[in-house]
Amino acid sequence: MTLKELIATIAKGLVDHPDQVSVREIESDNNALIELRVAREDIGKVIGRDGRTAQAMRTVLTAASSKLGRRSHLDILD
């Protein structure tokens, strides 16, 4: 499973409109930037209270990417 697929799977499980989840991966050298877009009404579900859900997604992403010997960053776009 790629990092992009990992974030898409997690996000689709959290939102009410999984068909509107869009994930884009921008790669450079040893880094990856993952951009996540969801429906406007689902943004709160992805971010969570005090950003806890977003931080948990970033933690999982960091663990998965370090296993691949890479660095990654997750941006949640609206």
C-alpha atoms as a PDB file:
ATOM      1  CA  MET A   1       0.000   0.000   0.000  1.00  0.00           C
ATOM      2  CA  THR A   2       1.379   3.395  -0.939  1.00  0.00           C
ATOM      3  CA  LEU A   3       1.322   6.383   1.394  1.00  0.00           C
ATOM      4  CA  LYS A   4      -1.339   7.986  -0.795  1.00  0.00           C
ATOM      5  CA  GLU A   5      -3.579   4.912  -0.545  1.00  0.00           C
ATOM      6  CA  LEU A   6      -3.037   4.732   3.220  1.00  0.00           C
ATOM      7  CA  ILE A   7      -4.274   8.292   3.782  1.00  0.00           C
ATOM      8  CA  ALA A   8      -7.183   7.808   1.350  1.00  0.00           C
ATOM      9  CA  THR A   9      -8.304   4.661   3.184  1.00  0.00           C
ATOM     10  CA  ILE A  10      -8.185   6.351   6.585  1.00  0.00           C
ATOM     11  CA  ALA A  11      -9.981   9.482   5.343  1.00  0.00           C
ATOM     12  CA  LYS A  12     -12.737   7.529   3.572  1.00  0.00           C
ATOM     13  CA  GLY A  13     -13.474   5.721   6.824  1.00  0.00           C
ATOM     14  CA  LEU A  14     -13.934   9.006   8.675  1.00  0.00           C
ATOM     15  CA  VAL A  15     -16.115  11.059   6.351  1.00  0.00           C
ATOM     16  CA  ASP A  16     -19.787  11.006   5.293  1.00  0.00           C
ATOM     17  CA  HIS A  17     -18.931  11.532   1.602  1.00  0.00           C
ATOM     18  CA  PRO A  18     -16.092   9.105   0.793  1.00  0.00           C
ATOM     19  CA  ASP A  19     -16.577   9.665  -2.943  1.00  0.00           C
ATOM     20  CA  GLN A  20     -15.351  13.251  -2.495  1.00  0.00           C
ATOM     21  CA  VAL A  21     -12.041  12.265  -0.870  1.00  0.00           C
ATOM     22  CA  SER A  22      -9.111  13.265  -3.051  1.00  0.00           C
ATOM     23  CA  VAL A  23      -5.464  12.547  -2.247  1.00  0.00           C
ATOM     24  CA  ARG A  24      -2.493  13.835  -4.209  1.00  0.00           C
ATOM     25  CA  GLU A  25       1.120  12.882  -3.593  1.00  0.00           C
ATOM     26  CA  ILE A  26       3.943  15.216  -4.569  1.00  0.00           C
ATOM     27  CA  GLU A  27       7.316  13.504  -4.456  1.00  0.00           C
ATOM     28  CA  SER A  28      10.795  14.952  -4.362  1.00  0.00           C
ATOM     29  CA  ASP A  29      14.091  13.205  -3.611  1.00  0.00           C
ATOM     30  CA  ASN A  30      13.400  11.434  -0.321  1.00  0.00           C
ATOM     31  CA  ASN A  31      10.333  13.466   0.699  1.00  0.00           C
ATOM     32  CA  ALA A  32       6.627  13.217  -0.020  1.00  0.00           C
ATOM     33  CA  LEU A  33       3.911  15.809   0.427  1.00  0.00           C
ATOM     34  CA  ILE A  34       0.447  14.303   0.732  1.00  0.00           C
ATOM     35  CA  GLU A  35      -2.453  16.673   0.043  1.00  0.00           C
ATOM     36  CA  LEU A  36      -5.873  15.582   1.298  1.00  0.00           C
ATOM     37  CA  ARG A  37      -9.130  17.174   0.157  1.00  0.00           C
ATOM     38  CA  VAL A  38     -12.557  16.256   1.493  1.00  0.00           C
ATOM     39  CA  ALA A  39     -16.058  17.721   1.209  1.00  0.00           C
ATOM     40  CA  ARG A  40     -16.470  20.996   3.076  1.00  0.00           C
ATOM     41  CA  GLU A  41     -18.890  19.474   5.592  1.00  0.00           C
ATOM     42  CA  ASP A  42     -16.427  16.644   6.352  1.00  0.00           C
ATOM     43  CA  ILE A  43     -13.398  18.805   7.128  1.00  0.00           C
ATOM     44  CA  GLY A  44     -14.148  18.800  10.858  1.00  0.00           C
ATOM     45  CA  LYS A  45     -14.274  15.012  10.944  1.00  0.00           C
ATOM     46  CA  VAL A  46     -10.846  14.746   9.344  1.00  0.00           C
ATOM     47  CA  ILE A  47      -9.283  17.374  11.595  1.00  0.00           C
ATOM     48  CA  GLY A  48     -11.018  16.249  14.781  1.00  0.00           C
ATOM     49  CA  ARG A  49     -11.341  17.966  18.131  1.00  0.00           C
ATOM     50  CA  ASP A  50      -8.255  20.110  18.763  1.00  0.00           C
ATOM     51  CA  GLY A  51      -6.670  18.536  15.662  1.00  0.00           C
ATOM     52  CA  ARG A  52      -6.274  15.132  17.283  1.00  0.00           C
ATOM     53  CA  THR A  53      -7.531  13.112  14.319  1.00  0.00           C
ATOM     54  CA  ALA A  54      -5.284  14.988  11.903  1.00  0.00           C
ATOM     55  CA  GLN A  55      -2.319  14.505  14.248  1.00  0.00           C
ATOM     56  CA  ALA A  56      -3.060  10.780  14.496  1.00  0.00           C
ATOM     57  CA  MET A  57      -3.139  10.529  10.694  1.00  0.00           C
ATOM     58  CA  ARG A  58       0.202  12.346  10.531  1.00  0.00           C
ATOM     59  CA  THR A  59       1.666   9.958  13.114  1.00  0.00           C
ATOM     60  CA  VAL A  60       0.581   6.901  11.110  1.00  0.00           C
ATOM     61  CA  LEU A  61       1.914   8.503   7.927  1.00  0.00           C
ATOM     62  CA  THR A  62       5.269   9.260   9.572  1.00  0.00           C
ATOM     63  CA  ALA A  63       5.574   5.687  10.841  1.00  0.00           C
ATOM     64  CA  ALA A  64       4.733   4.212   7.431  1.00  0.00           C
ATOM     65  CA  SER A  65       7.066   6.528   5.546  1.00  0.00           C
ATOM     66  CA  SER A  66       9.984   5.978   7.926  1.00  0.00           C
ATOM     67  CA  LYS A  67       9.599   2.260   7.338  1.00  0.00           C
ATOM     68  CA  LEU A  68      10.147   3.045   3.641  1.00  0.00           C
ATOM     69  CA  GLY A  69      13.148   5.227   4.479  1.00  0.00           C
ATOM     70  CA  ARG A  70      11.373   8.426   3.469  1.00  0.00           C
ATOM     71  CA  ARG A  71       9.941  11.560   5.072  1.00  0.00           C
ATOM     72  CA  SER A  72       6.418  12.757   4.539  1.00  0.00           C
ATOM     73  CA  HIS A  73       4.086  15.588   5.417  1.00  0.00           C
ATOM     74  CA  LEU A  74       0.276  15.680   5.346  1.00  0.00           C
ATOM     75  CA  ASP A  75      -1.603  18.833   4.329  1.00  0.00           C
ATOM     76  CA  ILE A  76      -5.375  18.941   4.720  1.00  0.00           C
ATOM     77  CA  LEU A  77      -6.772  21.373   2.163  1.00  0.00           C
ATOM     78  CA  ASP A  78     -10.219  22.942   2.033  1.00  0.00           C
END
